Amino acid sequence: MNTPIAVRIECAKGEILNAMEAIQTKHALPPCIMDGVLSSVLAEVRSEAKIELINSTNAMMAEKDEELEKAKKAAKRTLRTEPEEQPEEEHPENPERISSKHREEVRAWQR
């Protein structure tokens, strides 16, 4: 079963706090110095997050460009293979007009 994200976040925060306490004790650093150290670390994390976002955006754009190129090639193939449209007749056939043979059949049936 996957652990919910809220639980994983809280666990990560707890581990970071424990690590900070251990580092602060090991190096005998006061809280004001730890603030500067954490600010520097946070700046690094934010920089990595921006790079990750840029890379994801670039990958998404490359995928869309590839799809667009495929669509363009398909459209060109379709345009090359489509037959030219036939010009419409000046006087299209009247669908209501009944041929003389059909008219005779109808009259014979009515009798």
C-alpha atoms as a PDB file:
ATOM      1  CA  MET A   1       0.000   0.000   0.000  1.00  0.00           C
ATOM      2  CA  ASN A   2       1.275   3.493  -0.856  1.00  0.00           C
ATOM      3  CA  THR A   3       1.799   5.827   2.069  1.00  0.00           C
ATOM      4  CA  PRO A   4      -0.254   9.032   1.738  1.00  0.00           C
ATOM      5  CA  ILE A   5       1.741  12.108   0.723  1.00  0.00           C
ATOM      6  CA  ALA A   6       0.814  13.981   3.935  1.00  0.00           C
ATOM      7  CA  VAL A   7       2.346  11.203   6.043  1.00  0.00           C
ATOM      8  CA  ARG A   8       5.508  11.105   3.918  1.00  0.00           C
ATOM      9  CA  ILE A   9       5.874  14.902   4.205  1.00  0.00           C
ATOM     10  CA  GLU A  10       5.560  14.799   7.989  1.00  0.00           C
ATOM     11  CA  CYS A  11       8.102  11.968   8.200  1.00  0.00           C
ATOM     12  CA  ALA A  12      10.549  13.924   6.031  1.00  0.00           C
ATOM     13  CA  LYS A  13      10.134  17.045   8.181  1.00  0.00           C
ATOM     14  CA  GLY A  14      10.769  15.012  11.321  1.00  0.00           C
ATOM     15  CA  GLU A  15      13.922  13.474   9.854  1.00  0.00           C
ATOM     16  CA  ILE A  16      15.207  16.898   8.792  1.00  0.00           C
ATOM     17  CA  LEU A  17      14.630  18.306  12.294  1.00  0.00           C
ATOM     18  CA  ASN A  18      16.422  15.326  13.855  1.00  0.00           C
ATOM     19  CA  ALA A  19      19.339  15.760  11.443  1.00  0.00           C
ATOM     20  CA  MET A  20      19.493  19.482  12.208  1.00  0.00           C
ATOM     21  CA  GLU A  21      19.671  18.820  15.935  1.00  0.00           C
ATOM     22  CA  ALA A  22      22.440  16.268  15.419  1.00  0.00           C
ATOM     23  CA  ILE A  23      24.429  18.639  13.173  1.00  0.00           C
ATOM     24  CA  GLN A  24      23.899  21.577  15.539  1.00  0.00           C
ATOM     25  CA  THR A  25      25.179  19.505  18.463  1.00  0.00           C
ATOM     26  CA  LYS A  26      28.062  17.899  16.525  1.00  0.00           C
ATOM     27  CA  HIS A  27      29.389  21.242  15.246  1.00  0.00           C
ATOM     28  CA  ALA A  28      28.371  23.348  18.274  1.00  0.00           C
ATOM     29  CA  LEU A  29      26.463  25.844  16.130  1.00  0.00           C
ATOM     30  CA  PRO A  30      23.981  28.277  17.684  1.00  0.00           C
ATOM     31  CA  PRO A  31      20.484  28.627  16.189  1.00  0.00           C
ATOM     32  CA  CYS A  32      21.345  31.938  14.479  1.00  0.00           C
ATOM     33  CA  ILE A  33      24.112  30.200  12.483  1.00  0.00           C
ATOM     34  CA  MET A  34      21.838  27.227  11.734  1.00  0.00           C
ATOM     35  CA  ASP A  35      19.364  29.749  10.275  1.00  0.00           C
ATOM     36  CA  GLY A  36      21.985  30.891   7.754  1.00  0.00           C
ATOM     37  CA  VAL A  37      22.994  27.327   6.947  1.00  0.00           C
ATOM     38  CA  LEU A  38      19.361  26.317   6.368  1.00  0.00           C
ATOM     39  CA  SER A  39      18.732  29.410   4.229  1.00  0.00           C
ATOM     40  CA  SER A  40      21.654  28.421   2.029  1.00  0.00           C
ATOM     41  CA  VAL A  41      20.400  24.845   1.760  1.00  0.00           C
ATOM     42  CA  LEU A  42      16.877  26.085   0.960  1.00  0.00           C
ATOM     43  CA  ALA A  43      18.265  28.295  -1.823  1.00  0.00           C
ATOM     44  CA  GLU A  44      19.943  25.206  -3.335  1.00  0.00           C
ATOM     45  CA  VAL A  45      16.723  23.201  -3.143  1.00  0.00           C
ATOM     46  CA  ARG A  46      14.759  26.011  -4.809  1.00  0.00           C
ATOM     47  CA  SER A  47      17.341  26.242  -7.566  1.00  0.00           C
ATOM     48  CA  GLU A  48      17.056  22.495  -8.211  1.00  0.00           C
ATOM     49  CA  ALA A  49      13.248  22.792  -8.255  1.00  0.00           C
ATOM     50  CA  LYS A  50      13.455  25.523 -10.918  1.00  0.00           C
ATOM     51  CA  ILE A  51      15.800  23.407 -13.024  1.00  0.00           C
ATOM     52  CA  GLU A  52      13.436  20.446 -12.711  1.00  0.00           C
ATOM     53  CA  LEU A  53      10.504  22.612 -13.842  1.00  0.00           C
ATOM     54  CA  ILE A  54      12.467  23.955 -16.823  1.00  0.00           C
ATOM     55  CA  ASN A  55      13.520  20.446 -17.864  1.00  0.00           C
ATOM     56  CA  SER A  56       9.948  19.168 -17.602  1.00  0.00           C
ATOM     57  CA  THR A  57       8.644  22.102 -19.623  1.00  0.00           C
ATOM     58  CA  ASN A  58      11.296  21.590 -22.312  1.00  0.00           C
ATOM     59  CA  ALA A  59      10.474  17.876 -22.544  1.00  0.00           C
ATOM     60  CA  MET A  60       6.759  18.659 -22.849  1.00  0.00           C
ATOM     61  CA  MET A  61       7.417  21.256 -25.576  1.00  0.00           C
ATOM     62  CA  ALA A  62       9.641  18.839 -27.496  1.00  0.00           C
ATOM     63  CA  GLU A  63       6.887  16.221 -27.363  1.00  0.00           C
ATOM     64  CA  LYS A  64       4.314  18.724 -28.657  1.00  0.00           C
ATOM     65  CA  ASP A  65       6.700  19.827 -31.441  1.00  0.00           C
ATOM     66  CA  GLU A  66       7.112  16.195 -32.471  1.00  0.00           C
ATOM     67  CA  GLU A  67       3.333  15.686 -32.533  1.00  0.00           C
ATOM     68  CA  LEU A  68       2.942  18.856 -34.609  1.00  0.00           C
ATOM     69  CA  GLU A  69       5.543  17.708 -37.136  1.00  0.00           C
ATOM     70  CA  LYS A  70       3.814  14.326 -37.461  1.00  0.00           C
ATOM     71  CA  ALA A  71       0.473  16.073 -38.016  1.00  0.00           C
ATOM     72  CA  LYS A  72       2.005  18.340 -40.672  1.00  0.00           C
ATOM     73  CA  LYS A  73       3.484  15.356 -42.519  1.00  0.00           C
ATOM     74  CA  ALA A  74       0.160  13.511 -42.355  1.00  0.00           C
ATOM     75  CA  ALA A  75      -1.664  16.580 -43.680  1.00  0.00           C
ATOM     76  CA  LYS A  76       0.777  16.891 -46.573  1.00  0.00           C
ATOM     77  CA  ARG A  77       0.329  13.207 -47.438  1.00  0.00           C
ATOM     78  CA  THR A  78      -3.437  13.622 -47.343  1.00  0.00           C
ATOM     79  CA  LEU A  79      -3.318  16.683 -49.585  1.00  0.00           C
ATOM     80  CA  ARG A  80      -1.099  14.863 -52.092  1.00  0.00           C
ATOM     81  CA  THR A  81      -3.302  11.756 -52.241  1.00  0.00           C
ATOM     82  CA  GLU A  82      -6.755  13.393 -52.270  1.00  0.00           C
ATOM     83  CA  PRO A  83      -8.355  13.458 -55.719  1.00  0.00           C
ATOM     84  CA  GLU A  84      -9.161  16.877 -57.064  1.00  0.00           C
ATOM     85  CA  GLU A  85     -12.751  17.862 -56.494  1.00  0.00           C
ATOM     86  CA  GLN A  86     -14.965  17.490 -59.515  1.00  0.00           C
ATOM     87  CA  PRO A  87     -16.747  20.688 -60.529  1.00  0.00           C
ATOM     88  CA  GLU A  88     -20.446  20.616 -59.782  1.00  0.00           C
ATOM     89  CA  GLU A  89     -22.803  20.208 -62.712  1.00  0.00           C
ATOM     90  CA  GLU A  90     -24.486  23.392 -63.781  1.00  0.00           C
ATOM     91  CA  HIS A  91     -27.921  21.761 -63.580  1.00  0.00           C
ATOM     92  CA  PRO A  92     -27.945  19.000 -60.996  1.00  0.00           C
ATOM     93  CA  GLU A  93     -30.371  16.191 -61.587  1.00  0.00           C
ATOM     94  CA  ASN A  94     -33.803  16.828 -60.120  1.00  0.00           C
ATOM     95  CA  PRO A  95     -34.359  14.062 -57.564  1.00  0.00           C
ATOM     96  CA  GLU A  96     -38.111  14.579 -57.755  1.00  0.00           C
ATOM     97  CA  ARG A  97     -38.251  13.873 -61.494  1.00  0.00           C
ATOM     98  CA  ILE A  98     -39.475  10.366 -62.225  1.00  0.00           C
ATOM     99  CA  SER A  99     -38.205   8.508 -65.236  1.00  0.00           C
ATOM    100  CA  SER A 100     -40.765   7.611 -67.875  1.00  0.00           C
ATOM    101  CA  LYS A 101     -40.205   3.893 -67.237  1.00  0.00           C
ATOM    102  CA  HIS A 102     -40.859   4.351 -63.511  1.00  0.00           C
ATOM    103  CA  ARG A 103     -43.943   6.470 -64.263  1.00  0.00           C
ATOM    104  CA  GLU A 104     -45.342   3.666 -66.415  1.00  0.00           C
ATOM    105  CA  GLU A 105     -44.754   1.145 -63.640  1.00  0.00           C
ATOM    106  CA  VAL A 106     -46.592   3.340 -61.147  1.00  0.00           C
ATOM    107  CA  ARG A 107     -49.552   3.753 -63.498  1.00  0.00           C
ATOM    108  CA  ALA A 108     -49.712   0.037 -64.122  1.00  0.00           C
ATOM    109  CA  TRP A 109     -49.682  -0.636 -60.396  1.00  0.00           C
ATOM    110  CA  GLN A 110     -52.474   1.900 -59.787  1.00  0.00           C
ATOM    111  CA  ARG A 111     -54.808   0.152 -62.258  1.00  0.00           C
END
